[in-house]
């Protein structure tokens, strides 16, 4: 995106703080006033002293000094407020942008996360937004000050000598062209470094989360080499940026030198010709120095500017990611759910692969309280079918109804509040046991948490932990066994108390003893609820009221365990293979 477009989209974040921004800019104007006045005072004293030294009296010098001292006091107070107010506004804008970014990330569907690395997202929500803080503070301030100084310097210098001033300011467009060339290269470089730092974050996250696998295969050296290559790539990108930055600084310094030579030579000639007074010449040198110092400051700010623009661009890249699944404008609250689920000729394919159907023309009615099991080869669409019920994905055609209501006509929050999921890969949050169980019902009391844990057959092992329910379980529950983590996830669903359940191979990764305990918990949880079970171990679903056998063609078999065994088809073959194993 063009810089002008990015700035236009970024500007609304200043709106809530426009009063503070105006105060910051007013303070900036006061500090600039002090710099503008000093050359005028020096010029007046010089010309007065040369014309009539006796006129340069002590009271006059003290009055001028007093005026300048007052201005310096004002400058100090203004500078204090610029720093505190300006940085405060930047931090508030960063906070607002992080809030909006996180809220948008919560709305994005599973398909976005299947194509985006978490490390890249973390880079954008932390590092990129920090750069934007500095940008939001300094950008209006620096350009406002530069504008005042340039206008004031041109007006004062043109009044002293128009031809010399014109020559100086004619050189500025050429300086701008050189600066634009190097700025473009720097922006490209900063964009690539932000992408690369995201890749490094993703790699570090991947390696550290999989540290047990790394160590079990003794592949530490391989991980270090992968990181070394990524880190070296980052260094090379930084070098290209600093090469462009060096070219920018060198060109600016060269123009500085030429303008100083121009002022000194032509100014001296004009002074000998009487076209400019010694005091005016002194003021000229001071104002040119102020002007060039301002240009150099803007050049130094260029690095921060490009970092900020890159951060803004990456922020809007995420914000522009479409929210694929949204509530209808007239969406209703799904209430008093009995648990009837109907698949009305449902088909599904992933948006990036429309040629391959995952599910094709599924027609199914599940009565309230019915126990449905889904079996079939890997990749046949079992998990996808279940993920369509809470609208984690949108159906490509057909519709899904709960108690006769199309799930697209109700709010996502109310829909998902009535569905509980127990998955094979349990995710526990950093925190205590009680906090993780309470995730099923935020604000639940301790007695409710304990009751849910007892139903999930988790109370005994929780009580045996060092601090019981207040035991800190580590990141992703690393201090617990697989069976213990699974029982905590079941306790969460007990606390949520939904009428519809989805079990996604909830016991397939457990040992026999843990599987027996967890299976008892699942049986208890499923009582009186409509249940969809994705089964890996077929012996756990023999009592299901309906078994669906999925293959590439969709649902190829349907019935109870006894009916499907008598049919002698795919299910009977899979069951006999499992029995042999």
Protein backbone atom coordinates (compact mmCIF):
# COMPACT_ATOMS: atom_id res chain seq x y z
CA UNK A 1 0.00 0.00 0.00
CA UNK A 2 1.13 3.55 -0.68
CA UNK A 3 2.36 5.58 2.26
CA UNK A 4 -0.36 8.19 1.70
CA UNK A 5 -3.06 5.50 1.85
CA UNK A 6 -1.59 4.03 5.03
CA UNK A 7 -1.42 7.44 6.70
CA UNK A 8 -5.03 8.17 5.72
CA UNK A 9 -6.19 4.87 7.26
CA UNK A 10 -4.05 5.40 10.35
CA UNK A 11 -5.26 8.98 10.99
CA UNK A 12 -8.59 8.01 12.68
CA UNK A 13 -6.62 6.54 15.61
CA UNK A 14 -5.60 10.11 16.49
CA UNK A 15 -9.23 11.29 16.64
CA UNK A 16 -9.99 10.34 20.29
CA UNK A 17 -6.85 12.18 21.37
CA UNK A 18 -6.97 15.19 19.05
CA UNK A 19 -7.05 17.58 22.04
CA UNK A 20 -3.83 16.09 23.43
CA UNK A 21 -2.25 16.08 19.96
CA UNK A 22 -3.07 19.77 19.49
CA UNK A 23 -1.61 20.55 22.92
CA UNK A 24 1.52 18.59 21.99
CA UNK A 25 1.84 20.53 18.72
CA UNK A 26 1.29 23.84 20.57
CA UNK A 27 4.16 22.94 22.89
CA UNK A 28 6.24 22.04 19.84
CA UNK A 29 5.52 25.48 18.40
CA UNK A 30 6.70 27.12 21.65
CA UNK A 31 9.99 25.23 21.60
CA UNK A 32 10.49 26.19 17.97
CA UNK A 33 9.88 29.85 18.80
CA UNK A 34 12.96 29.89 21.05
CA UNK A 35 15.17 28.64 18.23
CA UNK A 36 13.76 31.20 15.78
CA UNK A 37 14.19 34.19 18.14
CA UNK A 38 17.85 33.59 19.04
CA UNK A 39 19.33 34.49 15.60
CA UNK A 40 17.20 37.69 15.58
CA UNK A 41 18.62 38.74 18.95
CA UNK A 42 22.19 37.97 17.83
CA UNK A 43 21.64 39.89 14.56
CA UNK A 44 20.24 42.92 16.41
CA UNK A 45 23.12 43.01 18.92
CA UNK A 46 25.73 42.63 16.12
CA UNK A 47 24.30 45.39 13.92
CA UNK A 48 23.75 47.71 16.90
CA UNK A 49 27.30 47.19 18.13
CA UNK A 50 28.82 47.82 14.70
CA UNK A 51 26.69 50.91 14.02
CA UNK A 52 27.05 52.51 17.47
CA UNK A 53 28.82 50.60 20.22
CA UNK A 54 27.62 53.14 22.80
CA UNK A 55 24.02 52.24 21.97
CA UNK A 56 24.71 48.71 23.17
CA UNK A 57 23.97 49.56 26.81
CA UNK A 58 23.80 47.18 29.77
CA UNK A 59 20.02 47.69 30.28
CA UNK A 60 19.46 46.78 26.61
CA UNK A 61 21.58 43.64 26.91
CA UNK A 62 19.79 42.65 30.14
CA UNK A 63 16.35 43.19 28.56
CA UNK A 64 17.27 41.02 25.57
CA UNK A 65 18.78 38.40 27.88
CA UNK A 66 15.65 38.48 30.04
CA UNK A 67 13.42 37.95 27.03
CA UNK A 68 15.52 34.99 25.90
CA UNK A 69 15.68 33.56 29.44
CA UNK A 70 11.87 33.70 29.63
CA UNK A 71 11.67 31.93 26.30
CA UNK A 72 14.02 29.21 27.55
CA UNK A 73 11.85 28.66 30.63
CA UNK A 74 8.82 28.34 28.35
CA UNK A 75 10.88 25.99 26.14
CA UNK A 76 11.75 23.74 29.11
CA UNK A 77 8.12 23.47 30.28
CA UNK A 78 6.89 22.88 26.72
CA UNK A 79 9.57 20.22 26.12
CA UNK A 80 8.49 18.41 29.29
CA UNK A 81 4.86 18.29 28.18
CA UNK A 82 5.87 17.29 24.65
CA UNK A 83 7.72 14.27 25.98
CA UNK A 84 5.07 13.20 28.48
CA UNK A 85 1.98 14.01 26.41
CA UNK A 86 3.43 12.88 23.08
CA UNK A 87 4.63 9.52 24.33
CA UNK A 88 1.36 9.08 26.23
CA UNK A 89 -0.67 9.60 23.04
CA UNK A 90 1.56 7.13 21.20
CA UNK A 91 1.07 4.52 23.94
CA UNK A 92 -2.72 5.04 23.91
CA UNK A 93 -2.86 4.63 20.14
CA UNK A 94 -0.75 1.46 20.41
CA UNK A 95 -3.16 0.14 23.04
CA UNK A 96 -6.18 0.90 20.85
CA UNK A 97 -4.60 -0.76 17.82
CA UNK A 98 -3.62 -3.84 19.81
CA UNK A 99 -7.20 -4.04 21.13
CA UNK A 100 -8.61 -3.84 17.60
CA UNK A 101 -6.09 -6.32 16.24
CA UNK A 102 -6.77 -8.89 18.95
CA UNK A 103 -10.55 -8.45 18.58
CA UNK A 104 -10.24 -8.99 14.83
CA UNK A 105 -8.08 -12.08 15.33
CA UNK A 106 -10.80 -13.54 17.54
CA UNK A 107 -13.30 -13.17 14.68
CA UNK A 108 -11.18 -14.84 12.00
CA UNK A 109 -12.10 -18.39 11.04
CA UNK A 110 -10.04 -21.56 11.30
CA UNK A 111 -9.07 -21.25 7.64
CA UNK A 112 -7.05 -18.07 8.39
CA UNK A 113 -5.06 -19.77 11.13
CA UNK A 114 -4.42 -22.80 8.98
CA UNK A 115 -2.46 -20.54 6.59
CA UNK A 116 -0.83 -18.14 9.09
CA UNK A 117 1.98 -18.84 11.54
CA UNK A 118 1.36 -17.84 15.15
CA UNK A 119 4.90 -16.40 15.30
CA UNK A 120 4.03 -13.97 12.51
CA UNK A 121 0.90 -12.89 14.36
CA UNK A 122 2.87 -12.40 17.58
CA UNK A 123 5.40 -10.26 15.71
CA UNK A 124 2.62 -8.00 14.47
CA UNK A 125 0.82 -7.67 17.78
CA UNK A 126 3.98 -6.86 19.76
CA UNK A 127 7.04 -5.62 17.82
CA UNK A 128 5.19 -3.89 14.97
CA UNK A 129 2.85 -2.04 17.29
CA UNK A 130 5.72 -0.84 19.47
CA UNK A 131 7.25 0.79 16.41
CA UNK A 132 3.90 2.44 15.75
CA UNK A 133 3.98 4.00 19.25
CA UNK A 134 7.16 5.88 18.43
CA UNK A 135 5.80 6.78 15.01
CA UNK A 136 2.51 8.11 16.40
CA UNK A 137 4.37 10.29 18.88
CA UNK A 138 7.14 11.68 16.70
CA UNK A 139 5.59 11.87 13.23
CA UNK A 140 3.15 14.81 13.71
CA UNK A 141 5.60 16.54 16.04
CA UNK A 142 8.70 16.27 13.83
CA UNK A 143 6.99 17.34 10.62
CA UNK A 144 5.10 20.16 12.35
CA UNK A 145 8.34 21.57 13.81
CA UNK A 146 10.13 21.13 10.48
CA UNK A 147 7.31 22.97 8.69
CA UNK A 148 7.42 25.92 11.10
CA UNK A 149 11.19 26.20 10.89
CA UNK A 150 11.27 26.00 7.09
CA UNK A 151 8.52 28.62 6.65
CA UNK A 152 10.02 30.93 9.28
CA UNK A 153 13.55 30.52 7.95
CA UNK A 154 12.43 31.21 4.37
CA UNK A 155 10.46 34.33 5.38
CA UNK A 156 13.27 35.78 7.49
CA UNK A 157 16.07 34.88 5.06
CA UNK A 158 14.10 36.15 2.04
CA UNK A 159 13.59 39.44 3.85
CA UNK A 160 17.37 39.71 4.34
CA UNK A 161 18.37 38.62 0.83
CA UNK A 162 15.94 37.05 -1.63
CA UNK A 163 18.44 35.84 -4.26
CA UNK A 164 20.64 33.97 -1.77
CA UNK A 165 17.59 32.47 -0.10
CA UNK A 166 16.22 31.29 -3.46
CA UNK A 167 19.51 29.52 -4.26
CA UNK A 168 19.46 27.71 -0.91
CA UNK A 169 15.86 26.56 -1.19
CA UNK A 170 16.31 25.49 -4.83
CA UNK A 171 18.74 22.85 -3.57
CA UNK A 172 16.13 21.30 -1.26
CA UNK A 173 14.11 19.51 -4.02
CA UNK A 174 17.27 17.72 -5.18
CA UNK A 175 17.93 16.68 -1.59
CA UNK A 176 14.35 15.40 -1.41
CA UNK A 177 14.83 13.25 -4.57
CA UNK A 178 17.93 11.61 -3.13
CA UNK A 179 16.15 11.08 0.20
CA UNK A 180 13.11 9.52 -1.52
CA UNK A 181 15.31 7.03 -3.38
CA UNK A 182 17.01 5.82 -0.21
CA UNK A 183 13.78 5.97 1.79
CA UNK A 184 12.12 3.56 -0.65
CA UNK A 185 14.98 1.11 -0.24
CA UNK A 186 14.79 1.41 3.53
CA UNK A 187 11.01 0.81 3.56
CA UNK A 188 11.45 -2.32 1.45
CA UNK A 189 14.16 -3.50 3.84
CA UNK A 190 12.14 -2.86 7.00
CA UNK A 191 9.16 -4.69 5.52
CA UNK A 192 11.33 -7.74 4.84
CA UNK A 193 12.90 -7.63 8.31
CA UNK A 194 9.48 -7.59 9.98
CA UNK A 195 8.49 -10.65 7.96
CA UNK A 196 11.78 -12.35 8.84
CA UNK A 197 11.49 -11.60 12.56
CA UNK A 198 8.04 -13.18 12.39
CA UNK A 199 9.59 -16.26 10.79
CA UNK A 200 12.21 -16.38 13.55
CA UNK A 201 9.47 -16.09 16.20
CA UNK A 202 7.54 -18.92 14.53
CA UNK A 203 10.65 -21.10 14.39
CA UNK A 204 11.55 -20.44 18.03
CA UNK A 205 7.97 -21.17 19.11
CA UNK A 206 7.93 -24.37 17.07
CA UNK A 207 11.26 -25.54 18.45
CA UNK A 208 10.49 -24.73 22.10
CA UNK A 209 6.98 -26.21 22.07
CA UNK A 210 8.45 -29.34 20.50
CA UNK A 211 11.52 -29.40 22.74
CA UNK A 212 10.73 -32.92 24.00
CA UNK A 213 10.68 -34.24 20.43
CA UNK A 214 13.89 -32.35 19.62
CA UNK A 215 15.70 -33.86 22.59
CA UNK A 216 14.28 -37.34 22.04
CA UNK A 217 15.78 -37.36 18.53
CA UNK A 218 18.95 -35.58 19.71
CA UNK A 219 18.37 -32.96 17.01
CA UNK A 220 19.52 -29.89 18.95
CA UNK A 221 22.26 -29.23 16.39
CA UNK A 222 19.73 -29.35 13.54
CA UNK A 223 17.47 -26.83 15.31
CA UNK A 224 20.45 -24.56 15.99
CA UNK A 225 21.44 -24.69 12.31
CA UNK A 226 17.89 -23.79 11.21
CA UNK A 227 17.90 -20.87 13.60
CA UNK A 228 21.39 -19.81 12.48
CA UNK A 229 20.24 -19.61 8.85
CA UNK A 230 17.16 -17.57 9.76
CA UNK A 231 19.18 -15.31 12.05
CA UNK A 232 21.80 -14.77 9.33
CA UNK A 233 19.06 -13.87 6.85
CA UNK A 234 17.83 -11.26 9.32
CA UNK A 235 21.36 -9.84 9.61
CA UNK A 236 21.70 -9.58 5.82
CA UNK A 237 18.41 -7.69 5.59
CA UNK A 238 19.54 -5.30 8.34
CA UNK A 239 22.81 -4.71 6.46
CA UNK A 240 20.90 -3.73 3.30
CA UNK A 241 18.87 -1.23 5.34
CA UNK A 242 21.94 0.33 6.89
CA UNK A 243 23.59 0.54 3.48
CA UNK A 244 20.63 2.60 2.25
CA UNK A 245 20.71 4.62 5.46
CA UNK A 246 24.41 5.32 4.91
CA UNK A 247 23.69 6.54 1.38
CA UNK A 248 20.94 8.79 2.70
CA UNK A 249 23.13 10.35 5.38
CA UNK A 250 26.06 10.80 2.98
CA UNK A 251 23.91 12.56 0.38
CA UNK A 252 22.36 14.86 2.99
CA UNK A 253 25.78 15.77 4.42
CA UNK A 254 27.05 16.50 0.91
CA UNK A 255 24.15 18.88 0.30
CA UNK A 256 24.78 20.42 3.74
CA UNK A 257 28.35 21.18 2.80
CA UNK A 258 27.41 22.70 -0.55
CA UNK A 259 24.81 24.98 1.04
CA UNK A 260 27.22 26.13 3.75
CA UNK A 261 29.85 26.95 1.11
CA UNK A 262 27.21 28.79 -0.91
CA UNK A 263 26.10 30.88 2.09
CA UNK A 264 29.62 31.68 3.27
CA UNK A 265 30.99 32.63 -0.16
CA UNK A 266 28.00 34.54 -1.53
CA UNK A 267 27.18 36.05 1.87
CA UNK A 268 30.72 37.36 2.22
CA UNK A 269 30.61 38.83 -1.28
CA UNK A 270 27.23 40.47 -0.61
CA UNK A 271 28.55 41.86 2.68
CA UNK A 272 31.54 43.48 0.90
CA UNK A 273 29.10 44.98 -1.61
CA UNK A 274 26.92 46.36 1.18
CA UNK A 275 23.96 44.22 0.11
CA UNK A 276 23.81 42.54 3.53
CA UNK A 277 24.84 43.76 6.99
CA UNK A 278 27.25 41.84 9.27
CA UNK A 279 24.39 41.17 11.69
CA UNK A 280 22.15 39.91 8.90
CA UNK A 281 25.00 37.71 7.64
CA UNK A 282 25.41 36.24 11.14
CA UNK A 283 21.67 35.64 11.38
CA UNK A 284 21.80 34.12 7.90
CA UNK A 285 24.40 31.58 9.03
CA UNK A 286 22.40 30.74 12.16
CA UNK A 287 19.14 30.29 10.26
CA UNK A 288 20.80 28.16 7.58
CA UNK A 289 22.32 26.07 10.36
CA UNK A 290 18.84 25.75 11.94
CA UNK A 291 17.36 24.79 8.57
CA UNK A 292 20.01 22.15 7.84
CA UNK A 293 19.80 20.83 11.39
CA UNK A 294 16.06 20.41 10.84
CA UNK A 295 16.67 18.56 7.57
CA UNK A 296 19.20 16.28 9.28
CA UNK A 297 16.72 15.63 12.11
CA UNK A 298 14.06 14.63 9.61
CA UNK A 299 16.59 12.35 7.90
CA UNK A 300 17.43 10.74 11.25
CA UNK A 301 13.71 10.36 11.91
CA UNK A 302 13.36 8.60 8.54
CA UNK A 303 14.42 5.27 10.06
CA UNK A 304 11.69 5.52 12.70
CA UNK A 305 9.22 6.72 10.06
CA UNK A 306 9.88 3.73 7.82
CA UNK A 307 9.62 1.31 10.74
CA UNK A 308 6.31 2.88 11.70
CA UNK A 309 4.94 2.80 8.15
CA UNK A 310 5.96 -0.87 7.83
CA UNK A 311 4.25 -1.64 11.16
CA UNK A 312 1.09 0.17 10.03
CA UNK A 313 1.09 -1.74 6.75
CA UNK A 314 1.45 -5.10 8.51
CA UNK A 315 -1.28 -4.09 10.98
CA UNK A 316 -3.74 -3.37 8.19
CA UNK A 317 -2.78 -6.58 6.37
CA UNK A 318 -4.26 -8.48 9.32
CA UNK A 319 -7.17 -6.08 9.77
CA UNK A 320 -8.01 -6.51 6.07
CA UNK A 321 -8.20 -10.30 6.41
CA UNK A 322 -11.89 -11.01 5.77
CA UNK A 323 -14.12 -12.30 8.57
CA UNK A 324 -15.56 -15.23 6.65
CA UNK A 325 -18.13 -16.27 9.24
CA UNK A 326 -20.32 -13.46 10.57
CA UNK A 327 -23.64 -13.18 12.32
CA UNK A 328 -26.57 -12.24 10.12
CA UNK A 329 -27.88 -8.70 10.75
CA UNK A 330 -31.09 -10.17 12.19
CA UNK A 331 -29.41 -13.11 13.98
CA UNK A 332 -31.39 -14.44 16.95
CA UNK A 333 -30.31 -15.94 20.27
CA UNK A 334 -30.45 -19.75 20.27
CA UNK A 335 -32.32 -20.67 23.44
CA UNK A 336 -33.93 -23.68 25.14
CA UNK A 337 -32.10 -26.15 22.91
CA UNK A 338 -33.43 -29.72 22.90
CA UNK A 339 -30.61 -31.05 20.72
CA UNK A 340 -32.13 -32.02 17.37
CA UNK A 341 -29.49 -31.63 14.62
CA UNK A 342 -30.32 -31.87 10.91
CA UNK A 343 -27.86 -31.89 8.00
CA UNK A 344 -29.93 -30.82 5.00
CA UNK A 345 -27.98 -31.87 1.86
CA UNK A 346 -24.73 -30.41 3.19
CA UNK A 347 -21.59 -30.25 1.04
CA UNK A 348 -18.25 -28.70 1.92
CA UNK A 349 -14.96 -27.91 0.24
CA UNK A 350 -12.10 -25.70 1.43
CA UNK A 351 -12.09 -22.23 -0.19
CA UNK A 352 -8.56 -22.65 -1.56
CA UNK A 353 -9.36 -26.02 -3.13
CA UNK A 354 -12.83 -25.89 -4.64
CA UNK A 355 -12.17 -28.87 -6.89
CA UNK A 356 -11.94 -31.34 -3.99
CA UNK A 357 -15.08 -31.92 -1.95
CA UNK A 358 -14.49 -32.96 1.66
CA UNK A 359 -18.19 -33.68 2.25
CA UNK A 360 -20.80 -34.27 -0.44
CA UNK A 361 -24.60 -34.07 -0.08
CA UNK A 362 -24.84 -35.17 3.58
CA UNK A 363 -28.45 -35.64 4.64
CA UNK A 364 -28.96 -36.65 8.24
CA UNK A 365 -31.41 -36.14 11.14
CA UNK A 366 -30.21 -36.67 14.71
CA UNK A 367 -32.95 -36.73 17.35
CA UNK A 368 -32.47 -35.04 20.74
CA UNK A 369 -30.35 -37.19 23.06
CA UNK A 370 -29.25 -39.52 20.24
CA UNK A 371 -25.68 -40.90 20.25
CA UNK A 372 -24.05 -40.66 16.80
CA UNK A 373 -20.64 -42.14 16.04
CA UNK A 374 -18.56 -41.26 12.98
CA UNK A 375 -15.97 -43.67 11.63
CA UNK A 376 -13.98 -43.94 8.45
CA UNK A 377 -10.51 -43.67 6.95
CA UNK A 378 -8.31 -40.68 7.75
CA UNK A 379 -9.27 -37.68 5.61
CA UNK A 380 -12.85 -38.83 5.01
CA UNK A 381 -14.30 -35.66 6.62
CA UNK A 382 -15.32 -36.81 10.12
CA UNK A 383 -13.78 -33.86 11.98
CA UNK A 384 -14.87 -31.44 9.26
CA UNK A 385 -18.49 -32.59 9.56
CA UNK A 386 -18.42 -31.96 13.32
CA UNK A 387 -16.70 -28.57 12.87
CA UNK A 388 -19.60 -27.44 10.67
CA UNK A 389 -22.06 -27.74 13.57
CA UNK A 390 -20.57 -24.85 15.64
CA UNK A 391 -19.83 -22.96 12.38
CA UNK A 392 -16.06 -23.18 12.64
CA UNK A 393 -16.39 -23.52 8.87
CA UNK A 394 -19.28 -22.47 6.65
CA UNK A 395 -21.09 -25.05 4.54
CA UNK A 396 -20.45 -24.76 0.81
CA UNK A 397 -24.04 -25.77 0.08
CA UNK A 398 -27.00 -27.01 2.06
CA UNK A 399 -27.77 -26.05 5.62
CA UNK A 400 -27.55 -27.30 9.20
CA UNK A 401 -30.49 -26.88 11.57
CA UNK A 402 -30.67 -27.14 15.36
CA UNK A 403 -34.21 -27.58 16.67
CA UNK A 404 -35.43 -26.46 13.25
CA UNK A 405 -33.39 -23.22 13.18
CA UNK A 406 -30.73 -22.66 10.54
CA UNK A 407 -27.49 -22.14 12.45
CA UNK A 408 -26.69 -19.19 10.14
CA UNK A 409 -29.77 -17.39 11.51
CA UNK A 410 -28.58 -17.45 15.14
CA UNK A 411 -25.64 -15.71 16.81
CA UNK A 412 -22.37 -17.59 16.88
CA UNK A 413 -21.98 -16.96 20.61
CA UNK A 414 -25.34 -18.52 21.49
CA UNK A 415 -24.77 -21.39 19.04
CA UNK A 416 -21.38 -22.32 20.50
CA UNK A 417 -22.61 -21.82 24.06
CA UNK A 418 -24.90 -24.82 23.45
CA UNK A 419 -22.16 -27.09 22.09
CA UNK A 420 -19.40 -28.74 24.13
CA UNK A 421 -16.27 -30.22 22.58
CA UNK A 422 -13.76 -32.72 23.95
CA UNK A 423 -10.84 -33.16 21.60
CA UNK A 424 -7.86 -35.47 21.34
CA UNK A 425 -5.40 -32.59 21.60
CA UNK A 426 -6.35 -30.96 24.90
CA UNK A 427 -5.41 -27.32 25.31
CA UNK A 428 -4.99 -26.07 28.86
CA UNK A 429 -4.17 -22.44 29.56
CA UNK A 430 -1.35 -21.23 31.74
CA UNK A 431 -2.80 -20.92 35.24
CA UNK A 432 -4.29 -23.06 38.00
CA UNK A 433 -6.42 -26.18 37.79
CA UNK A 434 -9.49 -24.26 39.00
CA UNK A 435 -8.99 -21.51 36.43
CA UNK A 436 -8.82 -24.07 33.61
CA UNK A 437 -12.01 -25.84 34.69
CA UNK A 438 -13.79 -22.48 35.18
CA UNK A 439 -13.06 -21.66 31.54
CA UNK A 440 -16.21 -23.67 30.79
CA UNK A 441 -18.28 -21.18 32.80
CA UNK A 442 -16.52 -17.90 33.58
CA UNK A 443 -17.35 -16.73 37.08
CA UNK A 444 -18.23 -20.20 38.38
CA UNK A 445 -17.90 -20.70 42.13
CA UNK A 446 -15.51 -23.16 43.77
CA UNK A 447 -18.30 -25.62 44.62
CA UNK A 448 -19.46 -25.71 40.98
CA UNK A 449 -15.88 -26.35 39.86
CA UNK A 450 -15.45 -29.18 42.35
CA UNK A 451 -18.79 -30.73 41.35
CA UNK A 452 -17.77 -30.69 37.68
CA UNK A 453 -14.39 -32.24 38.53
CA UNK A 454 -16.08 -35.04 40.48
CA UNK A 455 -18.36 -35.85 37.54
CA UNK A 456 -15.27 -35.99 35.31
CA UNK A 457 -13.50 -38.36 37.76
CA UNK A 458 -10.83 -35.69 38.24
CA UNK A 459 -11.40 -34.66 41.87
CA UNK A 460 -9.18 -37.36 43.40
CA UNK A 461 -6.04 -36.58 41.39
CA UNK A 462 -6.61 -32.82 41.77
CA UNK A 463 -6.78 -33.15 45.55
CA UNK A 464 -3.48 -35.06 45.45
CA UNK A 465 -1.71 -32.16 43.71
CA UNK A 466 0.53 -29.91 45.89
CA UNK A 467 -1.98 -27.03 46.10
CA UNK A 468 -5.08 -28.93 45.01
CA UNK A 469 -7.31 -26.83 42.78
CA UNK A 470 -4.91 -23.91 43.12
CA UNK A 471 -1.99 -25.85 41.67
CA UNK A 472 -0.24 -24.06 38.83
CA UNK A 473 -0.15 -26.51 35.92
CA UNK A 474 2.40 -24.80 33.65
CA UNK A 475 2.16 -23.79 30.02
CA UNK A 476 -0.32 -26.05 28.18
CA UNK A 477 -0.58 -28.23 31.29
CA UNK A 478 2.90 -29.76 30.93
CA UNK A 479 2.87 -30.89 34.58
CA UNK A 480 -0.09 -33.22 34.01
CA UNK A 481 -0.41 -36.59 32.29
CA UNK A 482 -2.48 -37.04 29.13
CA UNK A 483 -5.34 -38.66 31.03
CA UNK A 484 -5.37 -35.94 33.68
CA UNK A 485 -5.46 -33.18 31.08
CA UNK A 486 -8.31 -34.94 29.28
CA UNK A 487 -10.35 -35.22 32.48
CA UNK A 488 -9.87 -31.48 33.14
CA UNK A 489 -11.17 -30.74 29.65
CA UNK A 490 -14.20 -32.95 30.36
CA UNK A 491 -14.77 -31.11 33.66
CA UNK A 492 -14.83 -27.86 31.70
CA UNK A 493 -17.63 -29.22 29.51
CA UNK A 494 -19.54 -30.55 32.55
CA UNK A 495 -19.41 -27.01 33.95
CA UNK A 496 -20.59 -25.57 30.64
CA UNK A 497 -23.48 -28.06 30.60
CA UNK A 498 -24.34 -27.91 26.87
CA UNK A 499 -27.15 -29.97 25.27
CA UNK A 500 -24.97 -30.99 22.29
CA UNK A 501 -21.58 -32.70 22.58
CA UNK A 502 -18.77 -33.45 20.14
CA UNK A 503 -16.07 -35.97 21.09
CA UNK A 504 -13.18 -35.84 18.61
CA UNK A 505 -11.15 -39.01 19.22
CA UNK A 506 -11.00 -38.00 22.86
CA UNK A 507 -9.35 -41.24 24.09
CA UNK A 508 -7.23 -42.31 21.12
CA UNK A 509 -3.93 -41.00 22.58
CA UNK A 510 -4.36 -42.52 26.06
CA UNK A 511 -3.09 -45.71 27.64
CA UNK A 512 -5.58 -48.41 28.57
CA UNK A 513 -5.99 -47.38 32.22
CA UNK A 514 -6.42 -43.69 31.39
CA UNK A 515 -8.77 -44.57 28.52
CA UNK A 516 -11.03 -46.54 30.86
CA UNK A 517 -11.28 -43.66 33.35
CA UNK A 518 -11.81 -41.05 30.65
CA UNK A 519 -14.36 -43.24 28.86
CA UNK A 520 -16.35 -43.50 32.08
CA UNK A 521 -16.26 -39.70 32.33
CA UNK A 522 -17.43 -39.32 28.72
CA UNK A 523 -20.27 -41.79 29.28
CA UNK A 524 -21.38 -39.79 32.30
CA UNK A 525 -21.12 -36.53 30.36
CA UNK A 526 -23.13 -37.86 27.39
CA UNK A 527 -26.21 -38.81 29.44
CA UNK A 528 -29.27 -36.98 28.12
CA UNK A 529 -27.30 -35.04 25.50
CA UNK A 530 -27.08 -35.25 21.72
CA UNK A 531 -23.61 -36.61 21.11
CA UNK A 532 -21.34 -36.85 18.07
CA UNK A 533 -18.35 -39.13 18.61
CA UNK A 534 -15.45 -39.39 16.18
CA UNK A 535 -14.12 -42.83 16.97
CA UNK A 536 -10.66 -44.27 16.58
CA UNK A 537 -11.17 -47.31 18.81
CA UNK A 538 -14.33 -48.88 17.45
CA UNK A 539 -15.07 -50.87 20.61
CA UNK A 540 -16.04 -47.58 22.32
CA UNK A 541 -18.99 -46.92 19.98
CA UNK A 542 -20.81 -50.27 19.88
CA UNK A 543 -23.65 -48.82 21.95
CA UNK A 544 -24.14 -45.76 19.69
CA UNK A 545 -27.72 -45.36 18.46
CA UNK A 546 -26.39 -44.47 15.00
CA UNK A 547 -23.03 -45.10 13.34
CA UNK A 548 -22.08 -43.19 10.19
CA UNK A 549 -19.32 -44.61 8.01
CA UNK A 550 -17.66 -41.91 5.91
CA UNK A 551 -15.44 -42.40 2.88
CA UNK A 552 -14.44 -40.30 -0.12
CA UNK A 553 -17.96 -40.64 -1.52
CA UNK A 554 -19.57 -39.26 1.67
CA UNK A 555 -21.72 -41.38 4.02
CA UNK A 556 -21.44 -44.89 2.61
CA UNK A 557 -23.01 -46.84 5.50
CA UNK A 558 -25.40 -45.98 8.31
CA UNK A 559 -26.93 -48.00 11.13
CA UNK A 560 -26.30 -49.56 14.53
CA UNK A 561 -23.27 -51.73 15.30
CA UNK A 562 -25.27 -54.93 14.84
CA UNK A 563 -26.81 -53.76 11.56
CA UNK A 564 -23.46 -52.72 10.07
CA UNK A 565 -21.74 -55.94 11.15
CA UNK A 566 -24.55 -57.92 9.52
CA UNK A 567 -24.12 -55.81 6.37
CA UNK A 568 -20.51 -56.99 6.05
CA UNK A 569 -19.32 -53.78 4.41
CA UNK A 570 -16.61 -51.23 5.21
CA UNK A 571 -17.51 -50.95 8.90
CA UNK A 572 -17.43 -54.72 9.40
CA UNK A 573 -14.04 -54.83 7.66
CA UNK A 574 -12.66 -52.00 9.84
CA UNK A 575 -14.01 -53.61 13.01
CA UNK A 576 -12.54 -56.99 12.19
CA UNK A 577 -9.16 -55.35 11.46
CA UNK A 578 -9.35 -53.54 14.81
CA UNK A 579 -10.24 -56.76 16.63
CA UNK A 580 -7.21 -58.48 15.04
CA UNK A 581 -4.95 -55.61 16.16
